[in-house]
Amino acid sequence: MTIKSEPLTVLLEVKAAMDTTLSDELVRACYQLQSDHQYDKDRTTMKKMQALVEEVLVRDGDDLLL
């Protein structure tokens, strides 16, 4: 029997297992961005993702480890 897991739940579990300072908020925001734009033909998701990460880095400062 195959058990299907919610991808966001798996991402958050992996993040927790890695013991990183990366925020759950950022993981959720990145997942939501990817989910919202995965079928866009213009392929600007990477630029949007980069802007999101940069926004968090500026907001949270240099103590955020990726």
N, C-alpha and C. Protein backbone atom coordinates (compact mmCIF):
# COMPACT_ATOMS: atom_id res chain seq x y z
N MET A 1 0.83 -1.17 0.00
CA MET A 1 0.00 0.00 0.00
C MET A 1 0.89 1.25 0.00
N THR A 2 0.58 2.19 -0.87
CA THR A 2 1.33 3.42 -0.96
C THR A 2 0.64 4.49 -0.12
N ILE A 3 1.43 5.16 0.69
CA ILE A 3 0.90 6.25 1.51
C ILE A 3 1.32 7.55 0.87
N LYS A 4 0.34 8.38 0.52
CA LYS A 4 0.63 9.68 -0.07
C LYS A 4 0.72 10.71 1.04
N SER A 5 1.77 11.50 0.99
CA SER A 5 1.96 12.54 1.98
C SER A 5 1.74 13.90 1.35
N GLU A 6 1.28 14.82 2.14
CA GLU A 6 1.14 16.19 1.70
C GLU A 6 2.55 16.77 1.51
N PRO A 7 2.87 17.28 0.32
CA PRO A 7 4.23 17.77 0.06
C PRO A 7 4.72 18.84 1.04
N LEU A 8 3.86 19.76 1.42
CA LEU A 8 4.27 20.80 2.37
C LEU A 8 4.63 20.19 3.72
N THR A 9 3.87 19.21 4.15
CA THR A 9 4.17 18.54 5.41
C THR A 9 5.53 17.87 5.36
N VAL A 10 5.82 17.23 4.25
CA VAL A 10 7.13 16.56 4.07
C VAL A 10 8.25 17.59 4.09
N LEU A 11 8.06 18.71 3.38
CA LEU A 11 9.09 19.76 3.37
C LEU A 11 9.36 20.28 4.78
N LEU A 12 8.31 20.51 5.54
CA LEU A 12 8.48 21.01 6.90
C LEU A 12 9.15 19.97 7.81
N GLU A 13 8.85 18.70 7.59
CA GLU A 13 9.49 17.63 8.37
C GLU A 13 10.97 17.54 8.05
N VAL A 14 11.31 17.65 6.78
CA VAL A 14 12.72 17.62 6.37
C VAL A 14 13.46 18.81 6.94
N LYS A 15 12.84 20.00 6.89
CA LYS A 15 13.45 21.20 7.44
C LYS A 15 13.72 21.02 8.93
N ALA A 16 12.75 20.46 9.65
CA ALA A 16 12.92 20.23 11.09
C ALA A 16 14.04 19.23 11.36
N ALA A 17 14.13 18.20 10.54
CA ALA A 17 15.17 17.19 10.71
C ALA A 17 16.56 17.76 10.43
N MET A 18 16.62 18.78 9.59
CA MET A 18 17.91 19.39 9.26
C MET A 18 18.37 20.37 10.34
N ASP A 19 17.50 20.68 11.29
CA ASP A 19 17.83 21.59 12.38
C ASP A 19 18.42 22.90 11.87
N THR A 20 17.69 23.55 10.97
CA THR A 20 18.12 24.80 10.37
C THR A 20 17.32 25.96 10.93
N THR A 21 17.84 27.17 10.76
CA THR A 21 17.12 28.36 11.21
C THR A 21 16.14 28.87 10.16
N LEU A 22 16.04 28.18 9.06
CA LEU A 22 15.10 28.53 8.02
C LEU A 22 13.69 28.50 8.59
N SER A 23 12.93 29.56 8.36
CA SER A 23 11.61 29.65 8.98
C SER A 23 10.57 28.81 8.25
N ASP A 24 9.62 28.30 9.02
CA ASP A 24 8.49 27.59 8.44
C ASP A 24 7.72 28.51 7.50
N GLU A 25 7.65 29.78 7.87
CA GLU A 25 6.95 30.77 7.05
C GLU A 25 7.54 30.84 5.64
N LEU A 26 8.87 30.85 5.55
CA LEU A 26 9.51 30.91 4.23
C LEU A 26 9.26 29.63 3.44
N VAL A 27 9.33 28.49 4.09
CA VAL A 27 9.07 27.21 3.41
C VAL A 27 7.64 27.20 2.87
N ARG A 28 6.70 27.64 3.70
CA ARG A 28 5.29 27.68 3.26
C ARG A 28 5.10 28.65 2.09
N ALA A 29 5.73 29.83 2.19
CA ALA A 29 5.60 30.84 1.13
C ALA A 29 6.20 30.33 -0.18
N CYS A 30 7.35 29.70 -0.12
CA CYS A 30 7.99 29.15 -1.33
C CYS A 30 7.14 28.03 -1.93
N TYR A 31 6.61 27.17 -1.08
CA TYR A 31 5.76 26.09 -1.56
C TYR A 31 4.50 26.66 -2.23
N GLN A 32 3.89 27.66 -1.60
CA GLN A 32 2.68 28.26 -2.15
C GLN A 32 2.97 28.93 -3.49
N LEU A 33 4.09 29.63 -3.58
CA LEU A 33 4.48 30.28 -4.83
C LEU A 33 4.66 29.26 -5.94
N GLN A 34 5.36 28.18 -5.64
CA GLN A 34 5.57 27.13 -6.64
C GLN A 34 4.24 26.49 -7.04
N SER A 35 3.40 26.22 -6.06
CA SER A 35 2.10 25.62 -6.37
C SER A 35 1.24 26.52 -7.24
N ASP A 36 1.25 27.81 -6.92
CA ASP A 36 0.43 28.77 -7.66
C ASP A 36 0.88 28.96 -9.10
N HIS A 37 2.17 28.78 -9.35
CA HIS A 37 2.71 29.11 -10.66
C HIS A 37 3.32 27.92 -11.41
N GLN A 38 3.08 26.71 -10.96
CA GLN A 38 3.73 25.56 -11.59
C GLN A 38 3.33 25.33 -13.04
N TYR A 39 2.19 25.82 -13.44
CA TYR A 39 1.75 25.62 -14.81
C TYR A 39 1.82 26.89 -15.66
N ASP A 40 2.41 27.96 -15.12
CA ASP A 40 2.55 29.20 -15.89
C ASP A 40 3.49 28.97 -17.06
N LYS A 41 3.12 29.50 -18.19
CA LYS A 41 3.96 29.35 -19.38
C LYS A 41 5.11 30.34 -19.42
N ASP A 42 5.00 31.46 -18.69
CA ASP A 42 6.05 32.49 -18.76
C ASP A 42 7.30 32.13 -17.97
N ARG A 43 7.23 31.14 -17.10
CA ARG A 43 8.37 30.60 -16.37
C ARG A 43 9.13 31.66 -15.55
N THR A 44 8.41 32.52 -14.87
CA THR A 44 9.05 33.53 -14.03
C THR A 44 9.07 33.12 -12.55
N THR A 45 8.73 31.90 -12.28
CA THR A 45 8.65 31.44 -10.89
C THR A 45 9.99 31.56 -10.18
N MET A 46 11.08 31.26 -10.87
CA MET A 46 12.40 31.33 -10.24
C MET A 46 12.71 32.76 -9.81
N LYS A 47 12.39 33.73 -10.64
CA LYS A 47 12.63 35.13 -10.29
C LYS A 47 11.75 35.54 -9.10
N LYS A 48 10.52 35.07 -9.08
CA LYS A 48 9.62 35.36 -7.97
C LYS A 48 10.13 34.72 -6.69
N MET A 49 10.64 33.50 -6.80
CA MET A 49 11.18 32.79 -5.65
C MET A 49 12.41 33.52 -5.11
N GLN A 50 13.28 33.96 -6.00
CA GLN A 50 14.47 34.69 -5.60
C GLN A 50 14.08 35.98 -4.87
N ALA A 51 13.10 36.70 -5.39
CA ALA A 51 12.64 37.93 -4.75
C ALA A 51 12.08 37.64 -3.36
N LEU A 52 11.35 36.56 -3.22
CA LEU A 52 10.79 36.18 -1.92
C LEU A 52 11.90 35.89 -0.91
N VAL A 53 12.89 35.12 -1.31
CA VAL A 53 14.00 34.78 -0.42
C VAL A 53 14.80 36.03 -0.06
N GLU A 54 15.06 36.89 -1.03
CA GLU A 54 15.79 38.12 -0.76
C GLU A 54 15.02 39.01 0.21
N GLU A 55 13.70 39.06 0.07
CA GLU A 55 12.87 39.85 0.98
C GLU A 55 13.03 39.36 2.41
N VAL A 56 13.03 38.05 2.60
CA VAL A 56 13.18 37.47 3.93
C VAL A 56 14.58 37.73 4.47
N LEU A 57 15.59 37.62 3.62
CA LEU A 57 16.96 37.88 4.06
C LEU A 57 17.12 39.33 4.53
N VAL A 58 16.54 40.26 3.80
CA VAL A 58 16.61 41.66 4.19
C VAL A 58 15.85 41.90 5.49
N ARG A 59 14.68 41.29 5.59
CA ARG A 59 13.84 41.48 6.77
C ARG A 59 14.44 40.85 8.02
N ASP A 60 14.95 39.63 7.87
CA ASP A 60 15.42 38.88 9.04
C ASP A 60 16.90 39.05 9.31
N GLY A 61 17.61 39.67 8.40
CA GLY A 61 19.03 39.93 8.63
C GLY A 61 19.93 38.78 8.25
N ASP A 62 21.20 38.94 8.59
CA ASP A 62 22.23 37.99 8.18
C ASP A 62 22.25 36.71 9.02
N ASP A 63 21.48 36.65 10.09
CA ASP A 63 21.53 35.46 10.94
C ASP A 63 20.72 34.29 10.40
N LEU A 64 20.06 34.49 9.26
CA LEU A 64 19.29 33.41 8.63
C LEU A 64 20.24 32.55 7.80
N LEU A 65 20.29 31.28 8.11
CA LEU A 65 21.13 30.36 7.36
C LEU A 65 20.28 29.56 6.41
N LEU A 66 20.67 29.55 5.15
CA LEU A 66 19.93 28.78 4.14
C LEU A 66 20.64 27.49 3.86
